[in-house]
Amino acid sequence: MNEKMRLDSGDKAAENARSVWQRVPALADHETALTICDGGSLELGVIFHRAAREFGCKALWLVIPPLSKEAGEPIELAGYALRKADAYVGITSAGAKSLTHISARRAASDAGARGLTLPGFTLEMLSREAVSADYRAIASATESLAARLNGTSRILMFYLKEESIYGSTSVEADGSQRRACVPKRGSPVTCRPVWCPSTRWIAAERWWSMEA
């Protein structure tokens, strides 16, 4: 990555870090915010710590040794800091154990701390638009889709490419039947009901057929 691209990514990453603090733990200026990272994610630790300071809150930054997958808990100070924080962001480098799975993080959540863990997170990921998504809107849309699916006996999923349907999959309520069909001029394809960012799912209350 050349220097200009890195600076641009850094600007976007800083903006998204502020958005994460605001949207996920809803950080307030009177609270204590903890950024905790390991030695392999120092750059991200700096970005999230600086973003927290912009809220005018008490911002703390703690760097811990990377945890192996087989490791137990991080240093005792990490657990203490998590429990005392109102909000936290926990970042671990690729291959390290996620803070999601440590007892100290669970104890912090039980104590009322709000936050998120970012295992294997990178600067490139933080620079993407998806990080600044409106999670409450996503939750609302997910609940709406779940309600539709719960009242549906069959689901027809269309797989689109360049606005053209090139396949579909039918899934029964019990998941027992799956079949694919393509437009007359299409080529045979095998479709599986899996999530893909470019896939549009359409739930129907009854089976909609499409001639092959």
N, C-alpha and C. Protein backbone atom coordinates (compact mmCIF):
# COMPACT_ATOMS: atom_id res chain seq x y z
N MET A 1 0.86 -1.19 0.00
CA MET A 1 0.00 0.00 0.00
C MET A 1 0.90 1.24 0.00
N ASN A 2 0.67 2.15 -0.97
CA ASN A 2 1.50 3.34 -0.99
C ASN A 2 1.07 4.32 0.10
N GLU A 3 1.87 5.38 0.30
CA GLU A 3 1.64 6.26 1.44
C GLU A 3 0.31 6.98 1.36
N LYS A 4 -0.09 7.43 0.16
CA LYS A 4 -1.36 8.15 0.02
C LYS A 4 -2.53 7.24 0.35
N MET A 5 -2.50 6.01 -0.19
CA MET A 5 -3.58 5.06 0.08
C MET A 5 -3.65 4.75 1.57
N ARG A 6 -2.49 4.65 2.22
CA ARG A 6 -2.47 4.35 3.64
C ARG A 6 -3.06 5.51 4.45
N LEU A 7 -2.74 6.75 4.05
CA LEU A 7 -3.30 7.90 4.74
C LEU A 7 -4.81 7.95 4.56
N ASP A 8 -5.29 7.68 3.34
CA ASP A 8 -6.73 7.67 3.08
C ASP A 8 -7.41 6.60 3.92
N SER A 9 -6.79 5.40 3.98
CA SER A 9 -7.35 4.32 4.78
C SER A 9 -7.38 4.69 6.25
N GLY A 10 -6.31 5.38 6.70
CA GLY A 10 -6.25 5.79 8.09
C GLY A 10 -7.34 6.78 8.45
N ASP A 11 -7.63 7.72 7.56
CA ASP A 11 -8.70 8.69 7.79
C ASP A 11 -10.05 8.00 7.91
N LYS A 12 -10.31 7.07 7.00
CA LYS A 12 -11.58 6.33 7.02
C LYS A 12 -11.66 5.44 8.25
N ALA A 13 -10.54 4.83 8.60
CA ALA A 13 -10.51 3.96 9.78
C ALA A 13 -10.82 4.76 11.04
N ALA A 14 -10.26 5.96 11.15
CA ALA A 14 -10.51 6.80 12.31
C ALA A 14 -11.99 7.19 12.40
N GLU A 15 -12.55 7.53 11.26
CA GLU A 15 -13.98 7.88 11.20
C GLU A 15 -14.84 6.69 11.62
N ASN A 16 -14.50 5.50 11.13
CA ASN A 16 -15.28 4.31 11.46
C ASN A 16 -15.10 3.90 12.91
N ALA A 17 -13.91 4.12 13.46
CA ALA A 17 -13.68 3.82 14.87
C ALA A 17 -14.59 4.68 15.75
N ARG A 18 -14.73 5.95 15.41
CA ARG A 18 -15.65 6.82 16.16
C ARG A 18 -17.08 6.31 16.04
N SER A 19 -17.43 5.87 14.84
CA SER A 19 -18.78 5.36 14.61
C SER A 19 -19.04 4.10 15.43
N VAL A 20 -18.02 3.23 15.53
CA VAL A 20 -18.17 2.01 16.32
C VAL A 20 -18.43 2.34 17.78
N TRP A 21 -17.64 3.25 18.34
CA TRP A 21 -17.85 3.64 19.74
C TRP A 21 -19.25 4.21 19.95
N GLN A 22 -19.72 4.97 18.98
CA GLN A 22 -21.02 5.62 19.11
C GLN A 22 -22.17 4.64 18.92
N ARG A 23 -22.06 3.76 17.95
CA ARG A 23 -23.18 2.90 17.58
C ARG A 23 -23.27 1.61 18.40
N VAL A 24 -22.15 1.05 18.80
CA VAL A 24 -22.21 -0.25 19.48
C VAL A 24 -22.35 -0.09 21.00
N PRO A 25 -21.32 0.39 21.73
CA PRO A 25 -21.53 0.57 23.17
C PRO A 25 -22.20 1.89 23.54
N ALA A 26 -22.45 2.73 22.53
CA ALA A 26 -23.08 4.04 22.77
C ALA A 26 -22.33 4.81 23.85
N LEU A 27 -21.06 5.03 23.62
CA LEU A 27 -20.17 5.68 24.57
C LEU A 27 -20.62 7.10 24.88
N ALA A 28 -20.64 7.43 26.17
CA ALA A 28 -21.01 8.78 26.61
C ALA A 28 -19.79 9.48 27.22
N ASP A 29 -19.83 10.81 27.26
CA ASP A 29 -18.66 11.57 27.67
C ASP A 29 -18.29 11.42 29.14
N HIS A 30 -19.20 10.94 30.00
CA HIS A 30 -18.91 10.80 31.42
C HIS A 30 -18.40 9.40 31.77
N GLU A 31 -18.25 8.53 30.77
CA GLU A 31 -17.93 7.14 31.02
C GLU A 31 -16.43 6.84 30.85
N THR A 32 -16.07 5.61 31.24
CA THR A 32 -14.72 5.11 31.05
C THR A 32 -14.70 4.15 29.87
N ALA A 33 -13.83 4.44 28.91
CA ALA A 33 -13.74 3.60 27.71
C ALA A 33 -12.39 2.90 27.69
N LEU A 34 -12.41 1.59 27.50
CA LEU A 34 -11.19 0.80 27.47
C LEU A 34 -10.95 0.24 26.08
N THR A 35 -9.78 0.52 25.54
CA THR A 35 -9.33 -0.13 24.31
C THR A 35 -8.28 -1.15 24.74
N ILE A 36 -8.52 -2.41 24.43
CA ILE A 36 -7.58 -3.46 24.79
C ILE A 36 -7.18 -4.20 23.51
N CYS A 37 -5.89 -4.36 23.31
CA CYS A 37 -5.40 -5.03 22.10
C CYS A 37 -4.15 -5.82 22.44
N ASP A 38 -3.71 -6.67 21.51
CA ASP A 38 -2.46 -7.39 21.73
C ASP A 38 -1.36 -6.74 20.88
N GLY A 39 -0.15 -7.31 21.01
CA GLY A 39 0.99 -6.70 20.32
C GLY A 39 0.89 -6.71 18.82
N GLY A 40 0.04 -7.59 18.27
CA GLY A 40 -0.11 -7.66 16.82
C GLY A 40 -1.16 -6.73 16.27
N SER A 41 -1.86 -6.03 17.13
CA SER A 41 -2.92 -5.12 16.68
C SER A 41 -2.74 -3.71 17.25
N LEU A 42 -1.49 -3.32 17.42
CA LEU A 42 -1.19 -2.01 18.03
C LEU A 42 -1.75 -0.85 17.22
N GLU A 43 -1.65 -0.93 15.89
CA GLU A 43 -2.12 0.17 15.05
C GLU A 43 -3.60 0.42 15.26
N LEU A 44 -4.37 -0.66 15.34
CA LEU A 44 -5.81 -0.51 15.57
C LEU A 44 -6.07 -0.02 16.99
N GLY A 45 -5.26 -0.46 17.94
CA GLY A 45 -5.42 0.02 19.30
C GLY A 45 -5.27 1.52 19.40
N VAL A 46 -4.28 2.06 18.70
CA VAL A 46 -4.07 3.51 18.68
C VAL A 46 -5.30 4.22 18.11
N ILE A 47 -5.82 3.70 17.00
CA ILE A 47 -6.96 4.35 16.33
C ILE A 47 -8.19 4.36 17.23
N PHE A 48 -8.51 3.22 17.86
CA PHE A 48 -9.70 3.17 18.72
C PHE A 48 -9.51 3.99 19.99
N HIS A 49 -8.30 4.01 20.53
CA HIS A 49 -8.05 4.81 21.74
C HIS A 49 -8.21 6.31 21.44
N ARG A 50 -7.65 6.75 20.32
CA ARG A 50 -7.79 8.16 19.96
C ARG A 50 -9.24 8.52 19.69
N ALA A 51 -9.97 7.59 19.07
CA ALA A 51 -11.39 7.85 18.79
C ALA A 51 -12.17 7.98 20.09
N ALA A 52 -11.86 7.15 21.08
CA ALA A 52 -12.55 7.23 22.37
C ALA A 52 -12.28 8.56 23.06
N ARG A 53 -11.05 9.05 22.95
CA ARG A 53 -10.68 10.32 23.60
C ARG A 53 -11.49 11.48 23.04
N GLU A 54 -11.90 11.38 21.78
CA GLU A 54 -12.66 12.46 21.15
C GLU A 54 -14.04 12.62 21.76
N PHE A 55 -14.51 11.61 22.50
CA PHE A 55 -15.82 11.72 23.15
C PHE A 55 -15.72 12.49 24.46
N GLY A 56 -14.50 12.83 24.86
CA GLY A 56 -14.33 13.57 26.10
C GLY A 56 -14.44 12.69 27.33
N CYS A 57 -14.41 11.39 27.16
CA CYS A 57 -14.54 10.47 28.28
C CYS A 57 -13.16 10.12 28.85
N LYS A 58 -13.16 9.31 29.89
CA LYS A 58 -11.91 8.80 30.44
C LYS A 58 -11.49 7.61 29.60
N ALA A 59 -10.49 7.78 28.73
CA ALA A 59 -10.09 6.74 27.78
C ALA A 59 -8.82 6.04 28.25
N LEU A 60 -8.89 4.73 28.33
CA LEU A 60 -7.75 3.91 28.74
C LEU A 60 -7.36 2.98 27.59
N TRP A 61 -6.08 2.67 27.53
CA TRP A 61 -5.57 1.79 26.48
C TRP A 61 -4.63 0.78 27.12
N LEU A 62 -4.92 -0.50 26.91
CA LEU A 62 -4.13 -1.57 27.50
C LEU A 62 -3.66 -2.53 26.40
N VAL A 63 -2.37 -2.82 26.39
CA VAL A 63 -1.78 -3.76 25.44
C VAL A 63 -1.39 -5.02 26.20
N ILE A 64 -1.88 -6.18 25.71
CA ILE A 64 -1.59 -7.45 26.36
C ILE A 64 -0.80 -8.35 25.41
N PRO A 65 -0.10 -9.35 25.92
CA PRO A 65 0.57 -10.31 25.04
C PRO A 65 -0.48 -11.10 24.26
N PRO A 66 -0.20 -11.48 23.01
CA PRO A 66 -1.15 -12.29 22.24
C PRO A 66 -1.45 -13.60 22.97
N LEU A 67 -2.72 -14.01 22.96
CA LEU A 67 -3.12 -15.25 23.59
C LEU A 67 -3.18 -16.36 22.55
N SER A 68 -2.58 -17.50 22.84
CA SER A 68 -2.69 -18.63 21.92
C SER A 68 -4.09 -19.23 22.04
N LYS A 69 -4.49 -20.02 21.06
CA LYS A 69 -5.82 -20.63 21.08
C LYS A 69 -6.02 -21.49 22.31
N GLU A 70 -4.94 -22.08 22.81
CA GLU A 70 -5.02 -22.98 23.96
C GLU A 70 -4.86 -22.23 25.28
N ALA A 71 -4.59 -20.94 25.21
CA ALA A 71 -4.32 -20.17 26.43
C ALA A 71 -5.59 -20.01 27.26
N GLY A 72 -5.38 -19.70 28.53
CA GLY A 72 -6.51 -19.47 29.41
C GLY A 72 -6.92 -18.01 29.39
N GLU A 73 -6.61 -17.32 30.48
CA GLU A 73 -7.01 -15.93 30.63
C GLU A 73 -5.82 -14.99 30.36
N PRO A 74 -6.10 -13.76 29.98
CA PRO A 74 -5.01 -12.77 29.83
C PRO A 74 -4.49 -12.35 31.20
N ILE A 75 -3.54 -11.43 31.23
CA ILE A 75 -2.99 -10.98 32.49
C ILE A 75 -4.11 -10.44 33.39
N GLU A 76 -3.91 -10.53 34.70
CA GLU A 76 -4.95 -10.15 35.66
C GLU A 76 -5.40 -8.72 35.48
N LEU A 77 -4.48 -7.84 35.12
CA LEU A 77 -4.82 -6.44 34.93
C LEU A 77 -5.89 -6.26 33.85
N ALA A 78 -5.86 -7.12 32.81
CA ALA A 78 -6.85 -7.02 31.72
C ALA A 78 -8.25 -7.29 32.24
N GLY A 79 -8.38 -8.32 33.06
CA GLY A 79 -9.69 -8.63 33.63
C GLY A 79 -10.20 -7.52 34.52
N TYR A 80 -9.31 -6.94 35.33
CA TYR A 80 -9.70 -5.84 36.21
C TYR A 80 -10.16 -4.63 35.40
N ALA A 81 -9.40 -4.31 34.36
CA ALA A 81 -9.73 -3.14 33.53
C ALA A 81 -11.07 -3.34 32.82
N LEU A 82 -11.31 -4.54 32.33
CA LEU A 82 -12.58 -4.83 31.65
C LEU A 82 -13.76 -4.67 32.60
N ARG A 83 -13.62 -5.15 33.82
CA ARG A 83 -14.71 -5.07 34.79
C ARG A 83 -14.99 -3.63 35.21
N LYS A 84 -13.97 -2.78 35.22
CA LYS A 84 -14.13 -1.40 35.66
C LYS A 84 -14.60 -0.47 34.55
N ALA A 85 -14.50 -0.92 33.31
CA ALA A 85 -14.86 -0.07 32.17
C ALA A 85 -16.38 -0.03 31.96
N ASP A 86 -16.85 1.11 31.50
CA ASP A 86 -18.26 1.21 31.09
C ASP A 86 -18.43 0.65 29.67
N ALA A 87 -17.44 0.90 28.83
CA ALA A 87 -17.48 0.46 27.44
C ALA A 87 -16.08 0.00 27.04
N TYR A 88 -16.01 -0.96 26.14
CA TYR A 88 -14.71 -1.47 25.73
C TYR A 88 -14.73 -1.93 24.28
N VAL A 89 -13.55 -1.93 23.68
CA VAL A 89 -13.33 -2.57 22.38
C VAL A 89 -12.11 -3.47 22.56
N GLY A 90 -12.27 -4.75 22.26
CA GLY A 90 -11.19 -5.72 22.42
C GLY A 90 -10.72 -6.25 21.09
N ILE A 91 -9.49 -5.97 20.73
CA ILE A 91 -8.95 -6.33 19.41
C ILE A 91 -7.83 -7.36 19.58
N THR A 92 -7.90 -8.44 18.83
CA THR A 92 -6.83 -9.44 18.86
C THR A 92 -6.38 -9.73 17.44
N SER A 93 -5.10 -10.01 17.29
CA SER A 93 -4.52 -10.23 15.96
C SER A 93 -4.88 -11.61 15.42
N ALA A 94 -4.65 -11.80 14.14
CA ALA A 94 -4.97 -13.06 13.46
C ALA A 94 -4.23 -14.21 14.13
N GLY A 95 -4.94 -15.29 14.40
CA GLY A 95 -4.34 -16.46 15.00
C GLY A 95 -4.35 -16.46 16.51
N ALA A 96 -4.64 -15.32 17.12
CA ALA A 96 -4.69 -15.23 18.58
C ALA A 96 -6.09 -15.57 19.08
N LYS A 97 -6.18 -15.92 20.34
CA LYS A 97 -7.47 -16.23 20.95
C LYS A 97 -8.30 -14.97 21.08
N SER A 98 -9.58 -15.07 20.73
CA SER A 98 -10.46 -13.92 20.83
C SER A 98 -10.82 -13.64 22.28
N LEU A 99 -10.95 -12.37 22.61
CA LEU A 99 -11.38 -11.98 23.95
C LEU A 99 -12.83 -12.36 24.21
N THR A 100 -13.54 -12.72 23.16
CA THR A 100 -14.93 -13.17 23.30
C THR A 100 -15.01 -14.36 24.25
N HIS A 101 -14.01 -15.22 24.18
CA HIS A 101 -14.09 -16.51 24.86
C HIS A 101 -13.37 -16.56 26.19
N ILE A 102 -13.03 -15.42 26.77
CA ILE A 102 -12.34 -15.43 28.06
C ILE A 102 -13.33 -15.11 29.19
N SER A 103 -13.06 -15.66 30.35
CA SER A 103 -13.94 -15.45 31.50
C SER A 103 -13.97 -14.00 31.93
N ALA A 104 -12.85 -13.30 31.78
CA ALA A 104 -12.78 -11.89 32.17
C ALA A 104 -13.76 -11.05 31.37
N ARG A 105 -13.90 -11.35 30.09
CA ARG A 105 -14.84 -10.60 29.26
C ARG A 105 -16.28 -10.90 29.68
N ARG A 106 -16.57 -12.18 29.98
CA ARG A 106 -17.92 -12.53 30.41
C ARG A 106 -18.25 -11.88 31.75
N ALA A 107 -17.27 -11.84 32.64
CA ALA A 107 -17.49 -11.20 33.94
C ALA A 107 -17.75 -9.70 33.76
N ALA A 108 -17.04 -9.09 32.82
CA ALA A 108 -17.25 -7.66 32.54
C ALA A 108 -18.66 -7.42 32.02
N SER A 109 -19.12 -8.28 31.13
CA SER A 109 -20.48 -8.14 30.59
C SER A 109 -21.51 -8.32 31.70
N ASP A 110 -21.28 -9.29 32.59
CA ASP A 110 -22.20 -9.50 33.72
C ASP A 110 -22.22 -8.29 34.64
N ALA A 111 -21.10 -7.59 34.70
CA ALA A 111 -21.01 -6.40 35.56
C ALA A 111 -21.61 -5.16 34.91
N GLY A 112 -22.04 -5.30 33.64
CA GLY A 112 -22.69 -4.18 32.96
C GLY A 112 -21.88 -3.49 31.90
N ALA A 113 -20.64 -3.95 31.66
CA ALA A 113 -19.82 -3.33 30.62
C ALA A 113 -20.41 -3.61 29.25
N ARG A 114 -20.34 -2.62 28.37
CA ARG A 114 -20.85 -2.74 27.01
C ARG A 114 -19.67 -2.66 26.05
N GLY A 115 -19.70 -3.49 25.03
CA GLY A 115 -18.60 -3.41 24.08
C GLY A 115 -18.64 -4.49 23.03
N LEU A 116 -17.53 -4.65 22.36
CA LEU A 116 -17.43 -5.65 21.31
C LEU A 116 -16.00 -6.14 21.21
N THR A 117 -15.86 -7.35 20.67
CA THR A 117 -14.53 -7.92 20.44
C THR A 117 -14.32 -8.05 18.93
N LEU A 118 -13.10 -7.83 18.51
CA LEU A 118 -12.76 -7.84 17.08
C LEU A 118 -11.57 -8.78 16.85
N PRO A 119 -11.81 -10.08 16.79
CA PRO A 119 -10.71 -11.03 16.57
C PRO A 119 -10.22 -11.02 15.12
N GLY A 120 -8.91 -11.03 14.93
CA GLY A 120 -8.35 -11.06 13.58
C GLY A 120 -8.66 -9.83 12.76
N PHE A 121 -8.96 -8.72 13.42
CA PHE A 121 -9.35 -7.50 12.73
C PHE A 121 -8.13 -6.80 12.13
N THR A 122 -8.34 -6.11 11.02
CA THR A 122 -7.24 -5.42 10.34
C THR A 122 -7.63 -3.99 10.00
N LEU A 123 -6.63 -3.20 9.65
CA LEU A 123 -6.88 -1.81 9.24
C LEU A 123 -7.75 -1.77 7.99
N GLU A 124 -7.54 -2.69 7.08
CA GLU A 124 -8.33 -2.73 5.85
C GLU A 124 -9.80 -2.98 6.17
N MET A 125 -10.09 -3.85 7.13
CA MET A 125 -11.47 -4.12 7.54
C MET A 125 -12.10 -2.89 8.16
N LEU A 126 -11.32 -2.19 8.99
CA LEU A 126 -11.84 -1.00 9.66
C LEU A 126 -12.11 0.14 8.68
N SER A 127 -11.48 0.08 7.52
CA SER A 127 -11.64 1.13 6.51
C SER A 127 -12.85 0.90 5.60
N ARG A 128 -13.53 -0.23 5.76
CA ARG A 128 -14.69 -0.53 4.91
C ARG A 128 -15.95 0.15 5.42
N GLU A 129 -16.91 0.32 4.50
CA GLU A 129 -18.17 0.96 4.83
C GLU A 129 -19.00 0.11 5.80
N ALA A 130 -18.86 -1.22 5.73
CA ALA A 130 -19.70 -2.10 6.54
C ALA A 130 -19.53 -1.85 8.04
N VAL A 131 -18.36 -1.41 8.45
CA VAL A 131 -18.09 -1.20 9.87
C VAL A 131 -18.97 -0.09 10.43
N SER A 132 -19.31 0.89 9.61
CA SER A 132 -20.11 2.02 10.08
C SER A 132 -21.60 1.81 9.84
N ALA A 133 -22.00 0.56 9.67
CA ALA A 133 -23.41 0.26 9.42
C ALA A 133 -24.27 0.63 10.62
N ASP A 134 -25.55 0.87 10.35
CA ASP A 134 -26.51 1.15 11.42
C ASP A 134 -27.00 -0.19 11.95
N TYR A 135 -26.42 -0.65 13.07
CA TYR A 135 -26.72 -1.98 13.58
C TYR A 135 -28.15 -2.11 14.09
N ARG A 136 -28.72 -1.04 14.57
CA ARG A 136 -30.12 -1.09 15.02
C ARG A 136 -31.04 -1.30 13.82
N ALA A 137 -30.71 -0.66 12.69
CA ALA A 137 -31.52 -0.86 11.48
C ALA A 137 -31.36 -2.29 10.97
N ILE A 138 -30.14 -2.81 11.05
CA ILE A 138 -29.91 -4.20 10.63
C ILE A 138 -30.70 -5.16 11.51
N ALA A 139 -30.70 -4.91 12.83
CA ALA A 139 -31.44 -5.77 13.75
C ALA A 139 -32.94 -5.74 13.44
N SER A 140 -33.45 -4.55 13.14
CA SER A 140 -34.87 -4.41 12.81
C SER A 140 -35.20 -5.17 11.53
N ALA A 141 -34.35 -5.03 10.51
CA ALA A 141 -34.58 -5.74 9.24
C ALA A 141 -34.48 -7.24 9.44
N THR A 142 -33.55 -7.69 10.29
CA THR A 142 -33.38 -9.12 10.56
C THR A 142 -34.62 -9.68 11.25
N GLU A 143 -35.13 -8.95 12.23
CA GLU A 143 -36.32 -9.41 12.94
C GLU A 143 -37.52 -9.47 12.00
N SER A 144 -37.62 -8.50 11.09
CA SER A 144 -38.71 -8.49 10.13
C SER A 144 -38.63 -9.68 9.19
N LEU A 145 -37.41 -9.97 8.70
CA LEU A 145 -37.23 -11.11 7.81
C LEU A 145 -37.50 -12.41 8.55
N ALA A 146 -37.06 -12.51 9.81
CA ALA A 146 -37.29 -13.72 10.60
C ALA A 146 -38.78 -13.97 10.79
N ALA A 147 -39.54 -12.90 11.01
CA ALA A 147 -40.99 -13.04 11.18
C ALA A 147 -41.63 -13.56 9.91
N ARG A 148 -41.15 -13.08 8.76
CA ARG A 148 -41.68 -13.55 7.48
C ARG A 148 -41.33 -15.02 7.25
N LEU A 149 -40.11 -15.38 7.57
CA LEU A 149 -39.67 -16.76 7.37
C LEU A 149 -40.41 -17.72 8.29
N ASN A 150 -40.69 -17.29 9.53
CA ASN A 150 -41.39 -18.15 10.47
C ASN A 150 -42.80 -18.46 10.01
N GLY A 151 -43.40 -17.57 9.22
CA GLY A 151 -44.75 -17.80 8.73
C GLY A 151 -44.79 -18.34 7.31
N THR A 152 -43.67 -18.84 6.83
CA THR A 152 -43.57 -19.30 5.45
C THR A 152 -43.31 -20.80 5.40
N SER A 153 -44.03 -21.50 4.55
CA SER A 153 -43.84 -22.95 4.43
C SER A 153 -42.79 -23.30 3.39
N ARG A 154 -42.57 -22.43 2.42
CA ARG A 154 -41.56 -22.66 1.40
C ARG A 154 -40.84 -21.36 1.09
N ILE A 155 -39.59 -21.47 0.79
CA ILE A 155 -38.78 -20.29 0.47
C ILE A 155 -38.19 -20.47 -0.92
N LEU A 156 -38.34 -19.47 -1.75
CA LEU A 156 -37.72 -19.47 -3.07
C LEU A 156 -36.65 -18.39 -3.09
N MET A 157 -35.42 -18.81 -3.30
CA MET A 157 -34.31 -17.88 -3.32
C MET A 157 -33.80 -17.72 -4.74
N PHE A 158 -33.77 -16.49 -5.22
CA PHE A 158 -33.26 -16.21 -6.56
C PHE A 158 -31.79 -15.80 -6.48
N TYR A 159 -31.00 -16.35 -7.34
CA TYR A 159 -29.59 -15.99 -7.43
C TYR A 159 -29.42 -15.09 -8.65
N LEU A 160 -28.99 -13.86 -8.39
CA LEU A 160 -28.91 -12.88 -9.45
C LEU A 160 -27.45 -12.55 -9.79
N LYS A 161 -27.23 -12.29 -11.06
CA LYS A 161 -25.93 -11.83 -11.52
C LYS A 161 -26.18 -10.80 -12.60
N GLU A 162 -25.70 -9.59 -12.37
CA GLU A 162 -25.91 -8.49 -13.31
C GLU A 162 -27.38 -8.33 -13.63
N GLU A 163 -28.21 -8.36 -12.56
CA GLU A 163 -29.65 -8.14 -12.66
C GLU A 163 -30.40 -9.24 -13.41
N SER A 164 -29.76 -10.35 -13.73
CA SER A 164 -30.42 -11.45 -14.42
C SER A 164 -30.46 -12.68 -13.50
N ILE A 165 -31.60 -13.34 -13.47
CA ILE A 165 -31.73 -14.55 -12.66
C ILE A 165 -31.01 -15.69 -13.37
N TYR A 166 -30.07 -16.32 -12.69
CA TYR A 166 -29.38 -17.44 -13.31
C TYR A 166 -29.61 -18.73 -12.54
N GLY A 167 -30.42 -18.70 -11.50
CA GLY A 167 -30.75 -19.92 -10.78
C GLY A 167 -31.62 -19.62 -9.59
N SER A 168 -32.23 -20.64 -9.04
CA SER A 168 -33.04 -20.48 -7.85
C SER A 168 -33.02 -21.78 -7.05
N THR A 169 -33.38 -21.68 -5.80
CA THR A 169 -33.41 -22.85 -4.93
C THR A 169 -34.69 -22.84 -4.12
N SER A 170 -35.33 -23.98 -4.03
CA SER A 170 -36.52 -24.13 -3.21
C SER A 170 -36.15 -24.91 -1.96
N VAL A 171 -36.55 -24.39 -0.81
CA VAL A 171 -36.29 -25.07 0.46
C VAL A 171 -37.61 -25.22 1.21
N GLU A 172 -37.96 -26.48 1.55
CA GLU A 172 -39.16 -26.73 2.31
C GLU A 172 -38.95 -26.32 3.76
N ALA A 173 -40.04 -26.23 4.51
CA ALA A 173 -39.96 -25.79 5.90
C ALA A 173 -39.05 -26.70 6.72
N ASP A 174 -39.05 -28.00 6.41
CA ASP A 174 -38.20 -28.92 7.16
C ASP A 174 -36.82 -29.07 6.54
N GLY A 175 -36.55 -28.33 5.45
CA GLY A 175 -35.25 -28.38 4.80
C GLY A 175 -35.01 -29.62 3.99
N SER A 176 -36.06 -30.39 3.73
CA SER A 176 -35.87 -31.70 3.10
C SER A 176 -35.74 -31.64 1.58
N GLN A 177 -36.34 -30.66 0.91
CA GLN A 177 -36.33 -30.63 -0.54
C GLN A 177 -35.64 -29.37 -1.05
N ARG A 178 -34.74 -29.58 -2.00
CA ARG A 178 -34.06 -28.46 -2.62
C ARG A 178 -33.98 -28.72 -4.11
N ARG A 179 -34.27 -27.78 -4.92
CA ARG A 179 -34.18 -27.96 -6.37
C ARG A 179 -33.83 -26.64 -7.02
N ALA A 180 -33.21 -26.72 -8.16
CA ALA A 180 -32.76 -25.53 -8.86
C ALA A 180 -33.33 -25.49 -10.26
N CYS A 181 -33.57 -24.31 -10.76
CA CYS A 181 -34.00 -24.16 -12.15
C CYS A 181 -33.35 -22.90 -12.69
N VAL A 182 -33.24 -22.82 -14.00
CA VAL A 182 -32.61 -21.68 -14.65
C VAL A 182 -33.47 -21.24 -15.82
N PRO A 183 -33.32 -20.00 -16.26
CA PRO A 183 -34.05 -19.54 -17.45
C PRO A 183 -33.71 -20.40 -18.67
N LYS A 184 -34.56 -20.33 -19.68
CA LYS A 184 -34.40 -21.17 -20.87
C LYS A 184 -33.02 -21.02 -21.49
N ARG A 185 -32.50 -19.80 -21.52
CA ARG A 185 -31.21 -19.58 -22.18
C ARG A 185 -30.03 -19.74 -21.23
N GLY A 186 -30.32 -20.05 -19.98
CA GLY A 186 -29.25 -20.19 -19.01
C GLY A 186 -28.56 -21.53 -19.10
N SER A 187 -27.47 -21.65 -18.38
CA SER A 187 -26.76 -22.91 -18.29
C SER A 187 -27.10 -23.56 -16.96
N PRO A 188 -27.14 -24.88 -16.92
CA PRO A 188 -27.46 -25.56 -15.66
C PRO A 188 -26.49 -25.15 -14.55
N VAL A 189 -27.03 -24.93 -13.37
CA VAL A 189 -26.21 -24.56 -12.23
C VAL A 189 -26.65 -25.36 -11.01
N THR A 190 -25.79 -25.48 -10.05
CA THR A 190 -26.14 -26.09 -8.78
C THR A 190 -26.18 -25.00 -7.74
N CYS A 191 -27.34 -24.80 -7.13
CA CYS A 191 -27.51 -23.73 -6.16
C CYS A 191 -27.67 -24.31 -4.77
N ARG A 192 -27.06 -23.68 -3.80
CA ARG A 192 -27.21 -24.08 -2.41
C ARG A 192 -27.72 -22.89 -1.61
N PRO A 193 -28.60 -23.11 -0.63
CA PRO A 193 -29.14 -22.00 0.16
C PRO A 193 -28.13 -21.48 1.16
N VAL A 194 -27.15 -20.73 0.66
CA VAL A 194 -26.14 -20.15 1.53
C VAL A 194 -26.16 -18.64 1.34
N TRP A 195 -25.68 -17.92 2.34
CA TRP A 195 -25.65 -16.46 2.27
C TRP A 195 -24.46 -15.99 1.47
N CYS A 196 -24.71 -15.03 0.62
CA CYS A 196 -23.65 -14.40 -0.15
C CYS A 196 -24.03 -12.92 -0.29
N PRO A 197 -23.08 -12.01 -0.12
CA PRO A 197 -23.41 -10.58 -0.18
C PRO A 197 -24.11 -10.18 -1.48
N SER A 198 -23.81 -10.90 -2.59
CA SER A 198 -24.40 -10.54 -3.87
C SER A 198 -25.71 -11.27 -4.13
N THR A 199 -26.17 -12.08 -3.17
CA THR A 199 -27.38 -12.87 -3.34
C THR A 199 -28.58 -12.15 -2.75
N ARG A 200 -29.68 -12.16 -3.48
CA ARG A 200 -30.91 -11.59 -2.97
C ARG A 200 -31.87 -12.73 -2.62
N TRP A 201 -32.38 -12.73 -1.43
CA TRP A 201 -33.30 -13.78 -1.00
C TRP A 201 -34.72 -13.25 -1.03
N ILE A 202 -35.63 -14.02 -1.54
CA ILE A 202 -37.03 -13.63 -1.60
C ILE A 202 -37.85 -14.73 -0.94
N ALA A 203 -38.57 -14.41 0.12
CA ALA A 203 -39.40 -15.39 0.81
C ALA A 203 -40.83 -15.27 0.29
N ALA A 204 -41.44 -16.38 -0.08
CA ALA A 204 -42.80 -16.38 -0.61
C ALA A 204 -43.68 -17.28 0.24
N GLU A 205 -44.94 -16.90 0.42
CA GLU A 205 -45.85 -17.71 1.21
C GLU A 205 -46.27 -18.98 0.47
N ARG A 206 -46.07 -19.01 -0.82
CA ARG A 206 -46.37 -20.20 -1.59
C ARG A 206 -45.29 -20.38 -2.63
N TRP A 207 -45.26 -21.54 -3.25
CA TRP A 207 -44.23 -21.85 -4.25
C TRP A 207 -44.45 -21.07 -5.53
N TRP A 208 -43.46 -20.39 -5.98
CA TRP A 208 -43.50 -19.70 -7.25
C TRP A 208 -42.64 -20.47 -8.22
N SER A 209 -43.21 -20.94 -9.29
CA SER A 209 -42.43 -21.75 -10.23
C SER A 209 -41.84 -20.88 -11.33
N MET A 210 -40.75 -21.34 -11.89
CA MET A 210 -40.13 -20.65 -13.01
C MET A 210 -39.77 -21.72 -14.04
N GLU A 211 -40.29 -21.59 -15.22
CA GLU A 211 -40.05 -22.61 -16.23
C GLU A 211 -38.59 -22.69 -16.61
N ALA A 212 -38.08 -23.91 -16.73
CA ALA A 212 -36.69 -24.13 -17.14
C ALA A 212 -36.64 -24.21 -18.66
